[in-house]
Amino acid sequence: MSRDIKRIKRDILDQFRAIDGEEDDVLPVQWLNDEYLPVLDVFERQDFEKAIRQLAAKGVVRYVKGAPPILSLTEKGANLIH
């Protein structure tokens, strides 16, 4: 099933929920590298970049560029997932 931006954002927030994320918690890099990113096609990877930029713009996560990207949950994000 193809993942659009909305689905990718939901996947990211669901993973923070799965780890019972709180403010400043970081999305597990191992999950991102080993489980999530490998199943995305080229277009979905572009949408992944857009999705994390949108989440960061809304103040839900802090985005640190890099390979892999590091996503940290903000207070607003923690309130959203709980």
Protein backbone atom coordinates (compact mmCIF):
# COMPACT_ATOMS: atom_id res chain seq x y z
CA MET A 1 0.00 0.00 0.00
CA SER A 2 1.33 3.39 -0.98
CA ARG A 3 2.04 5.86 1.78
CA ASP A 4 1.04 9.49 1.27
CA ILE A 5 2.22 12.39 3.41
CA LYS A 6 -0.72 12.09 5.80
CA ARG A 7 -0.08 8.37 6.34
CA ILE A 8 3.65 8.95 6.88
CA LYS A 9 2.93 11.60 9.52
CA ARG A 10 0.54 9.20 11.22
CA ASP A 11 3.19 6.43 11.11
CA ILE A 12 5.74 8.71 12.76
CA LEU A 13 3.35 9.81 15.50
CA ASP A 14 2.19 6.22 16.01
CA GLN A 15 5.80 5.18 16.59
CA PHE A 16 6.18 7.92 19.21
CA ARG A 17 2.96 6.58 20.79
CA ALA A 18 4.39 3.04 20.74
CA ILE A 19 7.38 4.16 22.79
CA ASP A 20 5.12 6.27 25.03
CA GLY A 21 7.07 9.33 23.88
CA GLU A 22 7.43 12.40 26.03
CA GLU A 23 8.90 15.81 25.27
CA ASP A 24 12.48 15.58 23.93
CA ASP A 25 12.24 11.82 23.28
CA VAL A 26 13.86 10.83 19.98
CA LEU A 27 12.30 8.56 17.38
CA PRO A 28 14.27 5.30 17.53
CA VAL A 29 16.87 5.47 14.76
CA GLN A 30 16.94 1.67 14.54
CA TRP A 31 13.18 1.58 13.79
CA LEU A 32 13.60 4.29 11.17
CA ASN A 33 16.64 2.69 9.49
CA ASP A 34 15.78 -0.99 9.78
CA GLU A 35 12.00 -1.12 9.60
CA TYR A 36 10.49 2.00 8.10
CA LEU A 37 12.74 3.66 5.51
CA PRO A 38 13.70 0.43 3.69
CA VAL A 39 10.08 -0.22 2.68
CA LEU A 40 9.55 3.24 1.19
CA ASP A 41 9.94 3.72 -2.53
CA VAL A 42 11.61 6.79 -4.06
CA PHE A 43 8.41 8.84 -4.11
CA GLU A 44 7.46 7.85 -0.58
CA ARG A 45 10.92 8.91 0.62
CA GLN A 46 10.32 12.34 -0.89
CA ASP A 47 6.96 12.42 0.88
CA PHE A 48 8.70 11.34 4.09
CA GLU A 49 10.91 14.43 3.88
CA LYS A 50 7.85 16.61 3.28
CA ALA A 51 5.98 14.97 6.15
CA ILE A 52 8.69 15.60 8.71
CA ARG A 53 9.08 19.20 7.51
CA GLN A 54 5.34 19.68 7.99
CA LEU A 55 5.39 18.14 11.46
CA ALA A 56 8.32 20.37 12.38
CA ALA A 57 6.60 23.47 10.96
CA LYS A 58 3.57 22.71 13.15
CA GLY A 59 5.84 22.38 16.18
CA VAL A 60 5.09 18.70 16.77
CA VAL A 61 8.66 17.49 16.30
CA ARG A 62 12.10 19.02 16.06
CA TYR A 63 13.86 17.90 12.92
CA VAL A 64 17.60 17.47 12.74
CA LYS A 65 18.74 16.85 9.19
CA GLY A 66 21.10 14.02 8.67
CA ALA A 67 21.24 10.44 7.66
CA PRO A 68 19.14 9.16 9.22
CA PRO A 69 17.10 12.18 10.26
CA ILE A 70 16.71 12.63 13.98
CA LEU A 71 13.22 13.50 15.12
CA SER A 72 12.63 14.72 18.63
CA LEU A 73 9.15 15.10 20.09
CA THR A 74 8.19 18.57 21.30
CA GLU A 75 5.87 19.39 24.19
CA LYS A 76 3.13 20.07 21.65
CA GLY A 77 3.78 16.70 20.02
CA ALA A 78 3.74 14.89 23.36
CA ASN A 79 0.39 16.50 24.20
CA LEU A 80 -0.95 15.50 20.77
CA ILE A 81 -0.12 11.80 21.08
CA HIS A 82 -1.38 11.37 24.66
